[in-house]
PDB file of N, CA and C in Angstrom:
ATOM      1  N   MET A   1      22.771 235.034 179.177  1.00  0.00           N
ATOM      2  CA  MET A   1      23.640 233.900 179.436  1.00  0.00           C
ATOM      3  C   MET A   1      24.841 234.373 180.252  1.00  0.00           C
ATOM      4  N   SER A   2      25.101 233.727 181.368  1.00  0.00           N
ATOM      5  CA  SER A   2      26.228 234.126 182.203  1.00  0.00           C
ATOM      6  C   SER A   2      27.447 233.276 181.872  1.00  0.00           C
ATOM      7  N   LEU A   3      28.608 233.904 181.896  1.00  0.00           N
ATOM      8  CA  LEU A   3      29.852 233.205 181.636  1.00  0.00           C
ATOM      9  C   LEU A   3      30.442 232.728 182.950  1.00  0.00           C
ATOM     10  N   GLN A   4      30.867 231.486 182.970  1.00  0.00           N
ATOM     11  CA  GLN A   4      31.505 230.943 184.160  1.00  0.00           C
ATOM     12  C   GLN A   4      32.967 231.369 184.161  1.00  0.00           C
ATOM     13  N   GLN A   5      33.406 231.992 185.246  1.00  0.00           N
ATOM     14  CA  GLN A   5      34.788 232.431 185.358  1.00  0.00           C
ATOM     15  C   GLN A   5      35.597 231.408 186.140  1.00  0.00           C
ATOM     16  N   ILE A   6      36.766 231.108 185.634  1.00  0.00           N
ATOM     17  CA  ILE A   6      37.685 230.169 186.265  1.00  0.00           C
ATOM     18  C   ILE A   6      38.853 230.965 186.834  1.00  0.00           C
ATOM     19  N   ILE A   7      39.257 230.635 188.037  1.00  0.00           N
ATOM     20  CA  ILE A   7      40.429 231.260 188.650  1.00  0.00           C
ATOM     21  C   ILE A   7      41.518 230.196 188.716  1.00  0.00           C
ATOM     22  N   ILE A   8      42.603 230.461 188.014  1.00  0.00           N
ATOM     23  CA  ILE A   8      43.739 229.538 187.980  1.00  0.00           C
ATOM     24  C   ILE A   8      44.811 230.079 188.918  1.00  0.00           C
ATOM     25  N   HIS A   9      45.075 229.332 189.979  1.00  0.00           N
ATOM     26  CA  HIS A   9      46.057 229.748 190.984  1.00  0.00           C
ATOM     27  C   HIS A   9      47.457 229.305 190.562  1.00  0.00           C
ATOM     28  N   VAL A  10      48.430 230.176 190.794  1.00  0.00           N
ATOM     29  CA  VAL A  10      49.829 229.902 190.469  1.00  0.00           C
ATOM     30  C   VAL A  10      50.665 230.140 191.719  1.00  0.00           C
ATOM     31  N   ARG A  11      51.590 229.204 191.985  1.00  0.00           N
ATOM     32  CA  ARG A  11      52.548 229.384 193.078  1.00  0.00           C
ATOM     33  C   ARG A  11      53.958 229.287 192.501  1.00  0.00           C
ATOM     34  N   PHE A  12      54.816 230.205 192.947  1.00  0.00           N
ATOM     35  CA  PHE A  12      56.183 230.269 192.450  1.00  0.00           C
ATOM     36  C   PHE A  12      57.183 229.899 193.531  1.00  0.00           C
ATOM     37  N   ASP A  13      58.271 229.286 193.104  1.00  0.00           N
ATOM     38  CA  ASP A  13      59.430 229.041 193.943  1.00  0.00           C
ATOM     39  C   ASP A  13      60.154 230.383 194.085  1.00  0.00           C
ATOM     40  N   PRO A  14      60.944 230.580 195.133  1.00  0.00           N
ATOM     41  CA  PRO A  14      61.678 231.843 195.251  1.00  0.00           C
ATOM     42  C   PRO A  14      62.565 232.158 194.041  1.00  0.00           C
ATOM     43  N   ASN A  15      62.977 231.134 193.281  1.00  0.00           N
ATOM     44  CA  ASN A  15      63.812 231.370 192.101  1.00  0.00           C
ATOM     45  C   ASN A  15      62.987 231.721 190.859  1.00  0.00           C
ATOM     46  N   GLY A  16      61.660 231.810 190.995  1.00  0.00           N
ATOM     47  CA  GLY A  16      60.799 232.192 189.891  1.00  0.00           C
ATOM     48  C   GLY A  16      60.166 231.046 189.133  1.00  0.00           C
ATOM     49  N   ARG A  17      60.576 229.826 189.438  1.00  0.00           N
ATOM     50  CA  ARG A  17      60.014 228.644 188.776  1.00  0.00           C
ATOM     51  C   ARG A  17      58.601 228.395 189.291  1.00  0.00           C
ATOM     52  N   VAL A  18      57.700 228.005 188.397  1.00  0.00           N
ATOM     53  CA  VAL A  18      56.324 227.688 188.797  1.00  0.00           C
ATOM     54  C   VAL A  18      56.329 226.309 189.448  1.00  0.00           C
ATOM     55  N   ILE A  19      55.842 226.227 190.676  1.00  0.00           N
ATOM     56  CA  ILE A  19      55.809 224.939 191.362  1.00  0.00           C
ATOM     57  C   ILE A  19      54.408 224.341 191.410  1.00  0.00           C
ATOM     58  N   GLN A  20      53.391 225.168 191.192  1.00  0.00           N
ATOM     59  CA  GLN A  20      52.015 224.667 191.214  1.00  0.00           C
ATOM     60  C   GLN A  20      51.147 225.616 190.403  1.00  0.00           C
ATOM     61  N   ILE A  21      50.276 225.030 189.546  1.00  0.00           N
ATOM     62  CA  ILE A  21      49.367 225.841 188.744  1.00  0.00           C
ATOM     63  C   ILE A  21      48.134 225.015 188.439  1.00  0.00           C
ATOM     64  N   GLY A  22      46.983 225.636 188.533  1.00  0.00           N
ATOM     65  CA  GLY A  22      45.727 224.935 188.331  1.00  0.00           C
ATOM     66  C   GLY A  22      45.369 224.744 186.861  1.00  0.00           C
ATOM     67  N   GLN A  23      44.456 223.811 186.614  1.00  0.00           N
ATOM     68  CA  GLN A  23      43.895 223.553 185.287  1.00  0.00           C
ATOM     69  C   GLN A  23      44.945 223.128 184.265  1.00  0.00           C
ATOM     70  N   ARG A  24      46.057 222.582 184.708  1.00  0.00           N
ATOM     71  CA  ARG A  24      47.180 222.260 183.811  1.00  0.00           C
ATOM     72  C   ARG A  24      46.896 221.008 182.999  1.00  0.00           C
ATOM     73  N   PRO A  25      47.044 221.103 181.660  1.00  0.00           N
ATOM     74  CA  PRO A  25      46.944 219.899 180.833  1.00  0.00           C
ATOM     75  C   PRO A  25      48.088 218.951 181.173  1.00  0.00           C
ATOM     76  N   GLY A  26      47.828 217.667 181.128  1.00  0.00           N
ATOM     77  CA  GLY A  26      48.813 216.668 181.524  1.00  0.00           C
ATOM     78  C   GLY A  26      50.112 216.683 180.739  1.00  0.00           C
ATOM     79  N   LYS A  27      50.065 217.129 179.492  1.00  0.00           N
ATOM     80  CA  LYS A  27      51.265 217.106 178.657  1.00  0.00           C
ATOM     81  C   LYS A  27      52.209 218.280 178.912  1.00  0.00           C
ATOM     82  N   LEU A  28      51.791 219.248 179.693  1.00  0.00           N
ATOM     83  CA  LEU A  28      52.621 220.424 179.937  1.00  0.00           C
ATOM     84  C   LEU A  28      53.180 220.429 181.351  1.00  0.00           C
ATOM     85  N   THR A  29      54.376 220.976 181.484  1.00  0.00           N
ATOM     86  CA  THR A  29      54.959 221.200 182.803  1.00  0.00           C
ATOM     87  C   THR A  29      54.262 222.409 183.422  1.00  0.00           C
ATOM     88  N   PRO A  30      54.390 222.601 184.720  1.00  0.00           N
ATOM     89  CA  PRO A  30      53.822 223.815 185.320  1.00  0.00           C
ATOM     90  C   PRO A  30      54.342 225.092 184.648  1.00  0.00           C
ATOM     91  N   ASN A  31      55.661 225.152 184.370  1.00  0.00           N
ATOM     92  CA  ASN A  31      56.217 226.326 183.688  1.00  0.00           C
ATOM     93  C   ASN A  31      55.676 226.461 182.271  1.00  0.00           C
ATOM     94  N   GLY A  32      55.491 225.343 181.580  1.00  0.00           N
ATOM     95  CA  GLY A  32      54.960 225.367 180.225  1.00  0.00           C
ATOM     96  C   GLY A  32      53.547 225.918 180.171  1.00  0.00           C
ATOM     97  N   TRP A  33      52.700 225.488 181.111  1.00  0.00           N
ATOM     98  CA  TRP A  33      51.312 225.971 181.159  1.00  0.00           C
ATOM     99  C   TRP A  33      51.286 227.456 181.521  1.00  0.00           C
ATOM    100  N   PHE A  34      52.135 227.876 182.456  1.00  0.00           N
ATOM    101  CA  PHE A  34      52.215 229.297 182.792  1.00  0.00           C
ATOM    102  C   PHE A  34      52.636 230.110 181.569  1.00  0.00           C
ATOM    103  N   ASP A  35      53.604 229.608 180.807  1.00  0.00           N
ATOM    104  CA  ASP A  35      54.056 230.322 179.609  1.00  0.00           C
ATOM    105  C   ASP A  35      52.925 230.487 178.601  1.00  0.00           C
ATOM    106  N   VAL A  36      52.116 229.439 178.410  1.00  0.00           N
ATOM    107  CA  VAL A  36      50.971 229.524 177.501  1.00  0.00           C
ATOM    108  C   VAL A  36      50.001 230.594 177.991  1.00  0.00           C
ATOM    109  N   LEU A  37      49.639 230.521 179.257  1.00  0.00           N
ATOM    110  CA  LEU A  37      48.695 231.491 179.811  1.00  0.00           C
ATOM    111  C   LEU A  37      49.256 232.914 179.763  1.00  0.00           C
ATOM    112  N   ASN A  38      50.517 233.056 180.101  1.00  0.00           N
ATOM    113  CA  ASN A  38      51.127 234.376 180.118  1.00  0.00           C
ATOM    114  C   ASN A  38      51.223 234.962 178.709  1.00  0.00           C
ATOM    115  N   THR A  39      51.483 234.127 177.716  1.00  0.00           N
ATOM    116  CA  THR A  39      51.569 234.586 176.332  1.00  0.00           C
ATOM    117  C   THR A  39      50.201 234.950 175.769  1.00  0.00           C
ATOM    118  N   ARG A  40      49.211 234.105 176.042  1.00  0.00           N
ATOM    119  CA  ARG A  40      47.894 234.265 175.414  1.00  0.00           C
ATOM    120  C   ARG A  40      46.895 235.059 176.241  1.00  0.00           C
ATOM    121  N   ALA A  41      47.124 235.173 177.561  1.00  0.00           N
ATOM    122  CA  ALA A  41      46.127 235.827 178.420  1.00  0.00           C
ATOM    123  C   ALA A  41      46.788 236.627 179.535  1.00  0.00           C
ATOM    124  N   SER A  42      47.857 237.322 179.213  1.00  0.00           N
ATOM    125  CA  SER A  42      48.595 238.045 180.258  1.00  0.00           C
ATOM    126  C   SER A  42      47.749 239.132 180.925  1.00  0.00           C
ATOM    127  N   SER A  43      46.795 239.685 180.205  1.00  0.00           N
ATOM    128  CA  SER A  43      45.947 240.731 180.801  1.00  0.00           C
ATOM    129  C   SER A  43      45.012 240.178 181.875  1.00  0.00           C
ATOM    130  N   ALA A  44      44.860 238.863 181.914  1.00  0.00           N
ATOM    131  CA  ALA A  44      44.002 238.229 182.912  1.00  0.00           C
ATOM    132  C   ALA A  44      44.776 237.835 184.171  1.00  0.00           C
ATOM    133  N   TYR A  45      46.075 238.137 184.209  1.00  0.00           N
ATOM    134  CA  TYR A  45      46.908 237.744 185.341  1.00  0.00           C
ATOM    135  C   TYR A  45      46.926 238.839 186.404  1.00  0.00           C
ATOM    136  N   GLN A  46      46.849 238.392 187.654  1.00  0.00           N
ATOM    137  CA  GLN A  46      46.949 239.305 188.792  1.00  0.00           C
ATOM    138  C   GLN A  46      47.996 238.753 189.754  1.00  0.00           C
ATOM    139  N   PRO A  47      49.120 239.457 189.935  1.00  0.00           N
ATOM    140  CA  PRO A  47      50.112 238.994 190.902  1.00  0.00           C
ATOM    141  C   PRO A  47      49.608 239.199 192.326  1.00  0.00           C
ATOM    142  N   LEU A  48      49.961 238.280 193.185  1.00  0.00           N
ATOM    143  CA  LEU A  48      49.603 238.368 194.600  1.00  0.00           C
ATOM    144  C   LEU A  48      50.887 238.308 195.426  1.00  0.00           C
ATOM    145  N   ALA A  49      50.767 238.499 196.698  1.00  0.00           N
ATOM    146  CA  ALA A  49      51.918 238.467 197.601  1.00  0.00           C
ATOM    147  C   ALA A  49      52.397 237.033 197.827  1.00  0.00           C
ATOM    148  N   ARG A  50      53.629 236.934 198.312  1.00  0.00           N
ATOM    149  CA  ARG A  50      54.207 235.673 198.768  1.00  0.00           C
ATOM    150  C   ARG A  50      54.328 234.629 197.663  1.00  0.00           C
ATOM    151  N   GLY A  51      54.749 235.060 196.466  1.00  0.00           N
ATOM    152  CA  GLY A  51      55.022 234.128 195.385  1.00  0.00           C
ATOM    153  C   GLY A  51      53.798 233.468 194.790  1.00  0.00           C
ATOM    154  N   ARG A  52      52.716 234.210 194.703  1.00  0.00           N
ATOM    155  CA  ARG A  52      51.482 233.654 194.155  1.00  0.00           C
ATOM    156  C   ARG A  52      50.895 234.600 193.119  1.00  0.00           C
ATOM    157  N   GLY A  53      49.950 234.089 192.351  1.00  0.00           N
ATOM    158  CA  GLY A  53      49.227 234.897 191.389  1.00  0.00           C
ATOM    159  C   GLY A  53      48.014 234.121 190.904  1.00  0.00           C
ATOM    160  N   VAL A  54      47.141 234.793 190.182  1.00  0.00           N
ATOM    161  CA  VAL A  54      45.947 234.138 189.626  1.00  0.00           C
ATOM    162  C   VAL A  54      45.677 234.654 188.210  1.00  0.00           C
ATOM    163  N   PHE A  55      45.175 233.761 187.387  1.00  0.00           N
ATOM    164  CA  PHE A  55      44.604 234.126 186.097  1.00  0.00           C
ATOM    165  C   PHE A  55      43.096 234.008 186.260  1.00  0.00           C
ATOM    166  N   ARG A  56      42.353 235.004 185.783  1.00  0.00           N
ATOM    167  CA  ARG A  56      40.891 234.975 185.810  1.00  0.00           C
ATOM    168  C   ARG A  56      40.411 234.928 184.361  1.00  0.00           C
ATOM    169  N   LEU A  57      39.902 233.766 183.976  1.00  0.00           N
ATOM    170  CA  LEU A  57      39.494 233.532 182.593  1.00  0.00           C
ATOM    171  C   LEU A  57      38.126 232.876 182.540  1.00  0.00           C
ATOM    172  N   SER A  58      37.475 233.014 181.400  1.00  0.00           N
ATOM    173  CA  SER A  58      36.196 232.311 181.212  1.00  0.00           C
ATOM    174  C   SER A  58      36.473 230.831 180.994  1.00  0.00           C
ATOM    175  N   ARG A  59      35.507 230.013 181.291  1.00  0.00           N
ATOM    176  CA  ARG A  59      35.621 228.563 181.075  1.00  0.00           C
ATOM    177  C   ARG A  59      35.931 228.292 179.600  1.00  0.00           C
ATOM    178  N   THR A  60      35.285 229.038 178.706  1.00  0.00           N
ATOM    179  CA  THR A  60      35.503 228.855 177.269  1.00  0.00           C
ATOM    180  C   THR A  60      36.958 229.125 176.897  1.00  0.00           C
ATOM    181  N   ALA A  61      37.529 230.196 177.442  1.00  0.00           N
ATOM    182  CA  ALA A  61      38.924 230.539 177.147  1.00  0.00           C
ATOM    183  C   ALA A  61      39.873 229.452 177.649  1.00  0.00           C
ATOM    184  N   VAL A  62      39.645 228.939 178.853  1.00  0.00           N
ATOM    185  CA  VAL A  62      40.500 227.887 179.409  1.00  0.00           C
ATOM    186  C   VAL A  62      40.404 226.628 178.556  1.00  0.00           C
ATOM    187  N   ASP A  63      39.179 226.242 178.199  1.00  0.00           N
ATOM    188  CA  ASP A  63      38.997 225.044 177.369  1.00  0.00           C
ATOM    189  C   ASP A  63      39.664 225.194 176.015  1.00  0.00           C
ATOM    190  N   THR A  64      39.578 226.374 175.426  1.00  0.00           N
ATOM    191  CA  THR A  64      40.216 226.630 174.130  1.00  0.00           C
ATOM    192  C   THR A  64      41.730 226.528 174.242  1.00  0.00           C
ATOM    193  N   LEU A  65      42.300 227.130 175.266  1.00  0.00           N
ATOM    194  CA  LEU A  65      43.753 227.059 175.461  1.00  0.00           C
ATOM    195  C   LEU A  65      44.214 225.618 175.681  1.00  0.00           C
ATOM    196  N   LYS A  66      43.458 224.855 176.427  1.00  0.00           N
ATOM    197  CA  LYS A  66      43.810 223.448 176.663  1.00  0.00           C
ATOM    198  C   LYS A  66      43.768 222.665 175.361  1.00  0.00           C
ATOM    199  N   GLN A  67      42.753 222.891 174.545  1.00  0.00           N
ATOM    200  CA  GLN A  67      42.641 222.192 173.259  1.00  0.00           C
ATOM    201  C   GLN A  67      43.798 222.541 172.351  1.00  0.00           C
ATOM    202  N   GLU A  68      44.137 223.817 172.282  1.00  0.00           N
ATOM    203  CA  GLU A  68      45.196 224.268 171.395  1.00  0.00           C
ATOM    204  C   GLU A  68      46.568 223.728 171.818  1.00  0.00           C
ATOM    205  N   THR A  69      46.774 223.525 173.108  1.00  0.00           N
ATOM    206  CA  THR A  69      48.069 223.048 173.586  1.00  0.00           C
ATOM    207  C   THR A  69      48.145 221.532 173.649  1.00  0.00           C
ATOM    208  N   ALA A  70      47.010 220.854 173.560  1.00  0.00           N
ATOM    209  CA  ALA A  70      46.999 219.389 173.650  1.00  0.00           C
ATOM    210  C   ALA A  70      47.737 218.768 172.477  1.00  0.00           C
ATOM    211  N   GLY A  71      47.558 219.308 171.288  1.00  0.00           N
ATOM    212  CA  GLY A  71      48.230 218.792 170.106  1.00  0.00           C
ATOM    213  C   GLY A  71      47.752 217.405 169.745  1.00  0.00           C
ATOM    214  N   PRO A  72      48.210 216.871 168.634  1.00  0.00           N
ATOM    215  CA  PRO A  72      47.796 215.535 168.207  1.00  0.00           C
ATOM    216  C   PRO A  72      48.423 214.450 169.075  1.00  0.00           C
ATOM    217  N   GLY A  73      47.671 213.365 169.198  1.00  0.00           N
ATOM    218  CA  GLY A  73      48.168 212.182 169.896  1.00  0.00           C
ATOM    219  C   GLY A  73      48.249 212.366 171.327  1.00  0.00           C
TER     220      GLY A  73
END
């Protein structure tokens, strides 16, 4: 069985604020979703040049993180 890998792209403002991030749950801000990913999956993060970076995670891991952050209601 092969695992599907998801690449979540992140773009930063020069001041360090996250301005764009993929796979973001609707209830979280871009910075909030980055904080979740950075806390729970920091080893999957790869910084890139020019204020960008990527998280490389399995589909299962992304779905689990989204469920855990969705909360009730």
